């Protein structure tokens, strides 16, 4: 199992729009493409409360490439994303890291 940690740094004030987009659009499309989320978090105490952290669970890097590329090219996603950004950009930047569980991790 490979986990992908994605961190979205929002344009100031646009985190609610990002959360709404995930809740009402993105998660349904991920389900369509077989993308499994392992959790979402916002920052309660930290350097920025305009960030969204989430984990995706992949069977392998090849699984990730196939499913993520299909999602990213999905015309329904491209249309929906553009519509949600009609009043301005939501995400300023994205970080992503691929994580492999250690032998002693409770998550495998």
Protein backbone atom coordinates (compact mmCIF):
# COMPACT_ATOMS: atom_id res chain seq x y z
CA UNK A 1 0.00 0.00 0.00
CA UNK A 2 1.21 3.49 -0.87
CA UNK A 3 -0.27 6.57 0.75
CA UNK A 4 -0.28 9.97 -0.90
CA UNK A 5 -0.34 13.01 1.35
CA UNK A 6 -1.66 16.04 -0.49
CA UNK A 7 -1.57 19.53 1.02
CA UNK A 8 -3.61 22.26 -0.62
CA UNK A 9 -2.61 25.80 0.27
CA UNK A 10 -5.66 27.91 -0.48
CA UNK A 11 -5.87 31.45 -1.70
CA UNK A 12 -6.74 33.44 1.47
CA UNK A 13 -10.44 33.12 2.27
CA UNK A 14 -11.07 30.33 -0.28
CA UNK A 15 -10.80 27.26 1.97
CA UNK A 16 -14.62 27.04 2.35
CA UNK A 17 -14.96 26.89 -1.45
CA UNK A 18 -12.39 24.07 -1.61
CA UNK A 19 -14.14 22.10 1.13
CA UNK A 20 -17.46 22.52 -0.66
CA UNK A 21 -15.95 21.35 -3.95
CA UNK A 22 -14.59 18.19 -2.34
CA UNK A 23 -17.85 17.50 -0.53
CA UNK A 24 -20.21 18.12 -3.43
CA UNK A 25 -18.14 17.22 -6.53
CA UNK A 26 -14.71 15.66 -6.11
CA UNK A 27 -15.53 12.75 -3.81
CA UNK A 28 -18.27 11.49 -6.15
CA UNK A 29 -15.85 11.57 -9.07
CA UNK A 30 -13.19 9.80 -7.06
CA UNK A 31 -15.70 7.05 -6.32
CA UNK A 32 -16.38 6.77 -10.06
CA UNK A 33 -12.64 6.31 -10.69
CA UNK A 34 -11.97 3.98 -7.74
CA UNK A 35 -9.87 6.51 -5.78
CA UNK A 36 -9.84 5.74 -2.03
CA UNK A 37 -9.42 8.52 0.49
CA UNK A 38 -7.96 7.74 3.91
CA UNK A 39 -8.89 11.02 5.60
CA UNK A 40 -9.14 14.79 5.36
CA UNK A 41 -7.95 17.40 7.84
CA UNK A 42 -7.92 21.16 8.25
CA UNK A 43 -5.52 22.94 10.59
CA UNK A 44 -6.84 23.61 14.08
CA UNK A 45 -3.55 24.96 15.44
CA UNK A 46 -0.55 25.54 13.20
CA UNK A 47 1.13 27.82 10.74
CA UNK A 48 -1.91 28.29 8.46
CA UNK A 49 -5.63 27.70 8.78
CA UNK A 50 -6.00 28.04 4.99
CA UNK A 51 -4.65 24.55 4.24
CA UNK A 52 -6.35 21.23 3.56
CA UNK A 53 -4.47 17.99 4.21
CA UNK A 54 -5.66 14.64 2.93
CA UNK A 55 -4.45 11.10 2.39
CA UNK A 56 -5.19 8.83 -0.54
CA UNK A 57 -4.60 5.07 -0.39
CA UNK A 58 -3.21 3.34 -3.47
CA UNK A 59 -2.45 -0.33 -4.11
CA UNK A 60 0.72 0.73 -5.97
CA UNK A 61 2.24 3.64 -7.85
CA UNK A 62 0.90 2.11 -11.08
CA UNK A 63 -2.60 2.04 -9.53
CA UNK A 64 -2.20 5.71 -8.64
CA UNK A 65 -1.03 6.69 -12.10
CA UNK A 66 -3.90 4.93 -13.84
CA UNK A 67 -6.71 6.17 -11.58
CA UNK A 68 -5.42 9.72 -10.99
CA UNK A 69 -4.78 10.34 -14.68
CA UNK A 70 -8.28 9.10 -15.57
CA UNK A 71 -9.79 11.41 -12.93
CA UNK A 72 -7.66 14.41 -13.98
CA UNK A 73 -8.76 14.00 -17.61
CA UNK A 74 -12.44 13.38 -16.84
CA UNK A 75 -14.50 16.01 -18.72
CA UNK A 76 -17.00 16.12 -15.84
CA UNK A 77 -14.18 17.05 -13.43
CA UNK A 78 -12.67 19.63 -15.79
CA UNK A 79 -16.05 21.32 -16.27
CA UNK A 80 -16.92 21.24 -12.56
CA UNK A 81 -13.50 22.57 -11.50
CA UNK A 82 -13.73 25.45 -13.97
CA UNK A 83 -17.22 26.31 -12.74
CA UNK A 84 -16.08 26.40 -9.10
CA UNK A 85 -13.28 28.79 -10.06
CA UNK A 86 -15.43 31.26 -11.99
CA UNK A 87 -15.19 33.71 -9.08
CA UNK A 88 -11.44 33.18 -8.73
CA UNK A 89 -8.71 30.67 -8.11
CA UNK A 90 -9.19 28.47 -5.03
CA UNK A 91 -5.85 26.72 -4.57
CA UNK A 92 -2.61 28.72 -4.54
CA UNK A 93 -0.32 25.66 -4.50
CA UNK A 94 -0.31 21.91 -3.90
CA UNK A 95 2.28 19.71 -2.22
CA UNK A 96 2.17 15.97 -2.47
CA UNK A 97 4.28 13.27 -0.91
CA UNK A 98 4.17 9.51 -1.39
CA UNK A 99 4.48 7.62 1.88
CA UNK A 100 5.31 3.97 2.54
CA UNK A 101 4.36 2.50 5.94
CA UNK A 102 7.20 1.39 8.18
CA UNK A 103 7.35 -2.17 9.52
CA UNK A 104 5.97 -0.96 12.87
CA UNK A 105 3.22 1.32 11.52
CA UNK A 106 -0.35 0.64 12.70
CA UNK A 107 -1.43 1.60 9.16
CA UNK A 108 -0.21 -0.80 6.48
